Amino acid sequence: KVDLLERELREGHEKRTAAGVCMPQADSVFVETLRNLERVSDHADNIAADVLMKY
């Protein structure tokens, strides 16, 4: 679910950047933030799976 949201947000950002709505300088910050949030989601999923297997 988070992967799909990340993809949608990235595509929307690309469209806004191409249309001149977003500044190109913000691109790396936005993309890096999305990547980090997706990684946090993956870690949370791994932790939850581990906890569920133990209990």
PDB file of N, CA and C in Angstrom:
ATOM      1  N   LYS A   1       0.827  -1.188   0.000  1.00  0.00           N
ATOM      2  CA  LYS A   1       0.000   0.000   0.000  1.00  0.00           C
ATOM      3  C   LYS A   1       0.875   1.257   0.000  1.00  0.00           C
ATOM      4  N   VAL A   2       1.907   1.271   0.813  1.00  0.00           N
ATOM      5  CA  VAL A   2       2.806   2.422   0.870  1.00  0.00           C
ATOM      6  C   VAL A   2       3.584   2.544  -0.435  1.00  0.00           C
ATOM      7  N   ASP A   3       3.955   1.420  -1.027  1.00  0.00           N
ATOM      8  CA  ASP A   3       4.681   1.460  -2.302  1.00  0.00           C
ATOM      9  C   ASP A   3       3.835   2.132  -3.383  1.00  0.00           C
ATOM     10  N   LEU A   4       2.544   1.820  -3.411  1.00  0.00           N
ATOM     11  CA  LEU A   4       1.646   2.431  -4.391  1.00  0.00           C
ATOM     12  C   LEU A   4       1.512   3.929  -4.130  1.00  0.00           C
ATOM     13  N   LEU A   5       1.356   4.307  -2.872  1.00  0.00           N
ATOM     14  CA  LEU A   5       1.256   5.723  -2.520  1.00  0.00           C
ATOM     15  C   LEU A   5       2.529   6.469  -2.914  1.00  0.00           C
ATOM     16  N   GLU A   6       3.681   5.852  -2.652  1.00  0.00           N
ATOM     17  CA  GLU A   6       4.954   6.480  -3.015  1.00  0.00           C
ATOM     18  C   GLU A   6       5.032   6.701  -4.520  1.00  0.00           C
ATOM     19  N   ARG A   7       4.623   5.716  -5.284  1.00  0.00           N
ATOM     20  CA  ARG A   7       4.646   5.824  -6.746  1.00  0.00           C
ATOM     21  C   ARG A   7       3.729   6.956  -7.218  1.00  0.00           C
ATOM     22  N   GLU A   8       2.519   7.025  -6.630  1.00  0.00           N
ATOM     23  CA  GLU A   8       1.569   8.073  -7.013  1.00  0.00           C
ATOM     24  C   GLU A   8       2.113   9.464  -6.669  1.00  0.00           C
ATOM     25  N   LEU A   9       2.699   9.597  -5.483  1.00  0.00           N
ATOM     26  CA  LEU A   9       3.251  10.885  -5.076  1.00  0.00           C
ATOM     27  C   LEU A   9       4.421  11.290  -5.965  1.00  0.00           C
ATOM     28  N   ARG A  10       5.260  10.327  -6.310  1.00  0.00           N
ATOM     29  CA  ARG A  10       6.406  10.608  -7.178  1.00  0.00           C
ATOM     30  C   ARG A  10       5.936  11.051  -8.567  1.00  0.00           C
ATOM     31  N   GLU A  11       4.938  10.349  -9.115  1.00  0.00           N
ATOM     32  CA  GLU A  11       4.422  10.709 -10.436  1.00  0.00           C
ATOM     33  C   GLU A  11       3.792  12.098 -10.417  1.00  0.00           C
ATOM     34  N   GLY A  12       3.043  12.390  -9.356  1.00  0.00           N
ATOM     35  CA  GLY A  12       2.443  13.719  -9.230  1.00  0.00           C
ATOM     36  C   GLY A  12       3.501  14.801  -9.148  1.00  0.00           C
ATOM     37  N   HIS A  13       4.555  14.523  -8.417  1.00  0.00           N
ATOM     38  CA  HIS A  13       5.648  15.487  -8.292  1.00  0.00           C
ATOM     39  C   HIS A  13       6.329  15.708  -9.640  1.00  0.00           C
ATOM     40  N   GLU A  14       6.540  14.632 -10.384  1.00  0.00           N
ATOM     41  CA  GLU A  14       7.165  14.759 -11.707  1.00  0.00           C
ATOM     42  C   GLU A  14       6.311  15.624 -12.632  1.00  0.00           C
ATOM     43  N   LYS A  15       4.996  15.438 -12.563  1.00  0.00           N
ATOM     44  CA  LYS A  15       4.096  16.246 -13.395  1.00  0.00           C
ATOM     45  C   LYS A  15       4.140  17.713 -12.976  1.00  0.00           C
ATOM     46  N   ARG A  16       4.141  17.968 -11.669  1.00  0.00           N
ATOM     47  CA  ARG A  16       4.200  19.349 -11.181  1.00  0.00           C
ATOM     48  C   ARG A  16       5.519  20.011 -11.560  1.00  0.00           C
ATOM     49  N   THR A  17       6.604  19.259 -11.472  1.00  0.00           N
ATOM     50  CA  THR A  17       7.910  19.807 -11.837  1.00  0.00           C
ATOM     51  C   THR A  17       7.949  20.127 -13.330  1.00  0.00           C
ATOM     52  N   ALA A  18       7.440  19.219 -14.154  1.00  0.00           N
ATOM     53  CA  ALA A  18       7.419  19.441 -15.601  1.00  0.00           C
ATOM     54  C   ALA A  18       6.539  20.634 -15.970  1.00  0.00           C
ATOM     55  N   ALA A  19       5.468  20.854 -15.202  1.00  0.00           N
ATOM     56  CA  ALA A  19       4.558  21.970 -15.475  1.00  0.00           C
ATOM     57  C   ALA A  19       5.080  23.288 -14.907  1.00  0.00           C
ATOM     58  N   GLY A  20       6.172  23.221 -14.166  1.00  0.00           N
ATOM     59  CA  GLY A  20       6.746  24.431 -13.595  1.00  0.00           C
ATOM     60  C   GLY A  20       6.128  24.849 -12.279  1.00  0.00           C
ATOM     61  N   VAL A  21       5.292  23.991 -11.706  1.00  0.00           N
ATOM     62  CA  VAL A  21       4.650  24.303 -10.426  1.00  0.00           C
ATOM     63  C   VAL A  21       5.638  24.135  -9.279  1.00  0.00           C
ATOM     64  N   CYS A  22       6.457  23.111  -9.352  1.00  0.00           N
ATOM     65  CA  CYS A  22       7.465  22.850  -8.318  1.00  0.00           C
ATOM     66  C   CYS A  22       8.839  23.265  -8.835  1.00  0.00           C
ATOM     67  N   MET A  23       9.648  23.754  -7.931  1.00  0.00           N
ATOM     68  CA  MET A  23      11.001  24.151  -8.310  1.00  0.00           C
ATOM     69  C   MET A  23      11.876  22.906  -8.447  1.00  0.00           C
ATOM     70  N   PRO A  24      12.692  22.846  -9.489  1.00  0.00           N
ATOM     71  CA  PRO A  24      13.580  21.690  -9.668  1.00  0.00           C
ATOM     72  C   PRO A  24      14.509  21.463  -8.472  1.00  0.00           C
ATOM     73  N   GLN A  25      14.863  22.523  -7.757  1.00  0.00           N
ATOM     74  CA  GLN A  25      15.741  22.384  -6.597  1.00  0.00           C
ATOM     75  C   GLN A  25      15.084  21.555  -5.495  1.00  0.00           C
ATOM     76  N   ALA A  26      13.765  21.544  -5.456  1.00  0.00           N
ATOM     77  CA  ALA A  26      13.052  20.787  -4.431  1.00  0.00           C
ATOM     78  C   ALA A  26      12.969  19.304  -4.772  1.00  0.00           C
ATOM     79  N   ASP A  27      13.311  18.956  -5.995  1.00  0.00           N
ATOM     80  CA  ASP A  27      13.168  17.575  -6.460  1.00  0.00           C
ATOM     81  C   ASP A  27      13.918  16.587  -5.585  1.00  0.00           C
ATOM     82  N   SER A  28      15.183  16.848  -5.330  1.00  0.00           N
ATOM     83  CA  SER A  28      15.973  15.880  -4.561  1.00  0.00           C
ATOM     84  C   SER A  28      15.452  15.738  -3.138  1.00  0.00           C
ATOM     85  N   VAL A  29      15.005  16.828  -2.538  1.00  0.00           N
ATOM     86  CA  VAL A  29      14.466  16.760  -1.173  1.00  0.00           C
ATOM     87  C   VAL A  29      13.188  15.931  -1.157  1.00  0.00           C
ATOM     88  N   PHE A  30      12.303  16.186  -2.107  1.00  0.00           N
ATOM     89  CA  PHE A  30      11.032  15.465  -2.156  1.00  0.00           C
ATOM     90  C   PHE A  30      11.251  13.975  -2.399  1.00  0.00           C
ATOM     91  N   VAL A  31      12.065  13.659  -3.391  1.00  0.00           N
ATOM     92  CA  VAL A  31      12.317  12.257  -3.741  1.00  0.00           C
ATOM     93  C   VAL A  31      13.016  11.530  -2.593  1.00  0.00           C
ATOM     94  N   GLU A  32      13.988  12.174  -1.968  1.00  0.00           N
ATOM     95  CA  GLU A  32      14.699  11.550  -0.846  1.00  0.00           C
ATOM     96  C   GLU A  32      13.763  11.330   0.342  1.00  0.00           C
ATOM     97  N   THR A  33      12.875  12.280   0.590  1.00  0.00           N
ATOM     98  CA  THR A  33      11.898  12.128   1.673  1.00  0.00           C
ATOM     99  C   THR A  33      10.973  10.954   1.394  1.00  0.00           C
ATOM    100  N   LEU A  34      10.491  10.845   0.168  1.00  0.00           N
ATOM    101  CA  LEU A  34       9.640   9.705  -0.192  1.00  0.00           C
ATOM    102  C   LEU A  34      10.380   8.388  -0.007  1.00  0.00           C
ATOM    103  N   ARG A  35      11.620   8.350  -0.451  1.00  0.00           N
ATOM    104  CA  ARG A  35      12.422   7.125  -0.332  1.00  0.00           C
ATOM    105  C   ARG A  35      12.595   6.745   1.139  1.00  0.00           C
ATOM    106  N   ASN A  36      12.897   7.727   1.974  1.00  0.00           N
ATOM    107  CA  ASN A  36      13.089   7.448   3.400  1.00  0.00           C
ATOM    108  C   ASN A  36      11.803   6.983   4.069  1.00  0.00           C
ATOM    109  N   LEU A  37      10.677   7.593   3.722  1.00  0.00           N
ATOM    110  CA  LEU A  37       9.400   7.160   4.295  1.00  0.00           C
ATOM    111  C   LEU A  37       9.063   5.736   3.864  1.00  0.00           C
ATOM    112  N   GLU A  38       9.386   5.403   2.626  1.00  0.00           N
ATOM    113  CA  GLU A  38       9.134   4.041   2.140  1.00  0.00           C
ATOM    114  C   GLU A  38      10.014   3.043   2.890  1.00  0.00           C
ATOM    115  N   ARG A  39      11.240   3.420   3.177  1.00  0.00           N
ATOM    116  CA  ARG A  39      12.142   2.547   3.937  1.00  0.00           C
ATOM    117  C   ARG A  39      11.637   2.357   5.364  1.00  0.00           C
ATOM    118  N   VAL A  40      11.148   3.438   5.986  1.00  0.00           N
ATOM    119  CA  VAL A  40      10.581   3.338   7.334  1.00  0.00           C
ATOM    120  C   VAL A  40       9.407   2.371   7.317  1.00  0.00           C
ATOM    121  N   SER A  41       8.579   2.472   6.293  1.00  0.00           N
ATOM    122  CA  SER A  41       7.435   1.572   6.158  1.00  0.00           C
ATOM    123  C   SER A  41       7.892   0.121   6.034  1.00  0.00           C
ATOM    124  N   ASP A  42       8.925  -0.116   5.242  1.00  0.00           N
ATOM    125  CA  ASP A  42       9.450  -1.475   5.095  1.00  0.00           C
ATOM    126  C   ASP A  42       9.979  -2.008   6.425  1.00  0.00           C
ATOM    127  N   HIS A  43      10.694  -1.163   7.161  1.00  0.00           N
ATOM    128  CA  HIS A  43      11.222  -1.588   8.462  1.00  0.00           C
ATOM    129  C   HIS A  43      10.081  -1.894   9.435  1.00  0.00           C
ATOM    130  N   ALA A  44       9.063  -1.041   9.455  1.00  0.00           N
ATOM    131  CA  ALA A  44       7.919  -1.270  10.340  1.00  0.00           C
ATOM    132  C   ALA A  44       7.218  -2.578   9.991  1.00  0.00           C
ATOM    133  N   ASP A  45       7.098  -2.853   8.705  1.00  0.00           N
ATOM    134  CA  ASP A  45       6.484  -4.102   8.259  1.00  0.00           C
ATOM    135  C   ASP A  45       7.306  -5.304   8.720  1.00  0.00           C
ATOM    136  N   ASN A  46       8.626  -5.209   8.595  1.00  0.00           N
ATOM    137  CA  ASN A  46       9.497  -6.299   9.039  1.00  0.00           C
ATOM    138  C   ASN A  46       9.408  -6.513  10.546  1.00  0.00           C
ATOM    139  N   ILE A  47       9.362  -5.430  11.302  1.00  0.00           N
ATOM    140  CA  ILE A  47       9.244  -5.540  12.760  1.00  0.00           C
ATOM    141  C   ILE A  47       7.915  -6.175  13.131  1.00  0.00           C
ATOM    142  N   ALA A  48       6.838  -5.724  12.498  1.00  0.00           N
ATOM    143  CA  ALA A  48       5.516  -6.281  12.793  1.00  0.00           C
ATOM    144  C   ALA A  48       5.467  -7.771  12.467  1.00  0.00           C
ATOM    145  N   ALA A  49       6.035  -8.164  11.347  1.00  0.00           N
ATOM    146  CA  ALA A  49       6.043  -9.581  10.970  1.00  0.00           C
ATOM    147  C   ALA A  49       6.825 -10.398  11.986  1.00  0.00           C
ATOM    148  N   ASP A  50       7.949  -9.870  12.456  1.00  0.00           N
ATOM    149  CA  ASP A  50       8.760 -10.569  13.450  1.00  0.00           C
ATOM    150  C   ASP A  50       8.005 -10.717  14.767  1.00  0.00           C
ATOM    151  N   VAL A  51       7.351  -9.660  15.199  1.00  0.00           N
ATOM    152  CA  VAL A  51       6.580  -9.709  16.451  1.00  0.00           C
ATOM    153  C   VAL A  51       5.448 -10.717  16.333  1.00  0.00           C
ATOM    154  N   LEU A  52       4.742 -10.714  15.221  1.00  0.00           N
ATOM    155  CA  LEU A  52       3.628 -11.642  15.040  1.00  0.00           C
ATOM    156  C   LEU A  52       4.096 -13.094  15.017  1.00  0.00           C
ATOM    157  N   MET A  53       5.289 -13.346  14.489  1.00  0.00           N
ATOM    158  CA  MET A  53       5.796 -14.722  14.444  1.00  0.00           C
ATOM    159  C   MET A  53       6.197 -15.203  15.831  1.00  0.00           C
ATOM    160  N   LYS A  54       6.617 -14.285  16.694  1.00  0.00           N
ATOM    161  CA  LYS A  54       7.058 -14.666  18.034  1.00  0.00           C
ATOM    162  C   LYS A  54       5.893 -14.848  18.995  1.00  0.00           C
ATOM    163  N   TYR A  55       4.786 -14.205  18.731  1.00  0.00           N
ATOM    164  CA  TYR A  55       3.654 -14.267  19.673  1.00  0.00           C
ATOM    165  C   TYR A  55       2.488 -14.846  18.974  1.00  0.00           C
TER     166      TYR A  55
END
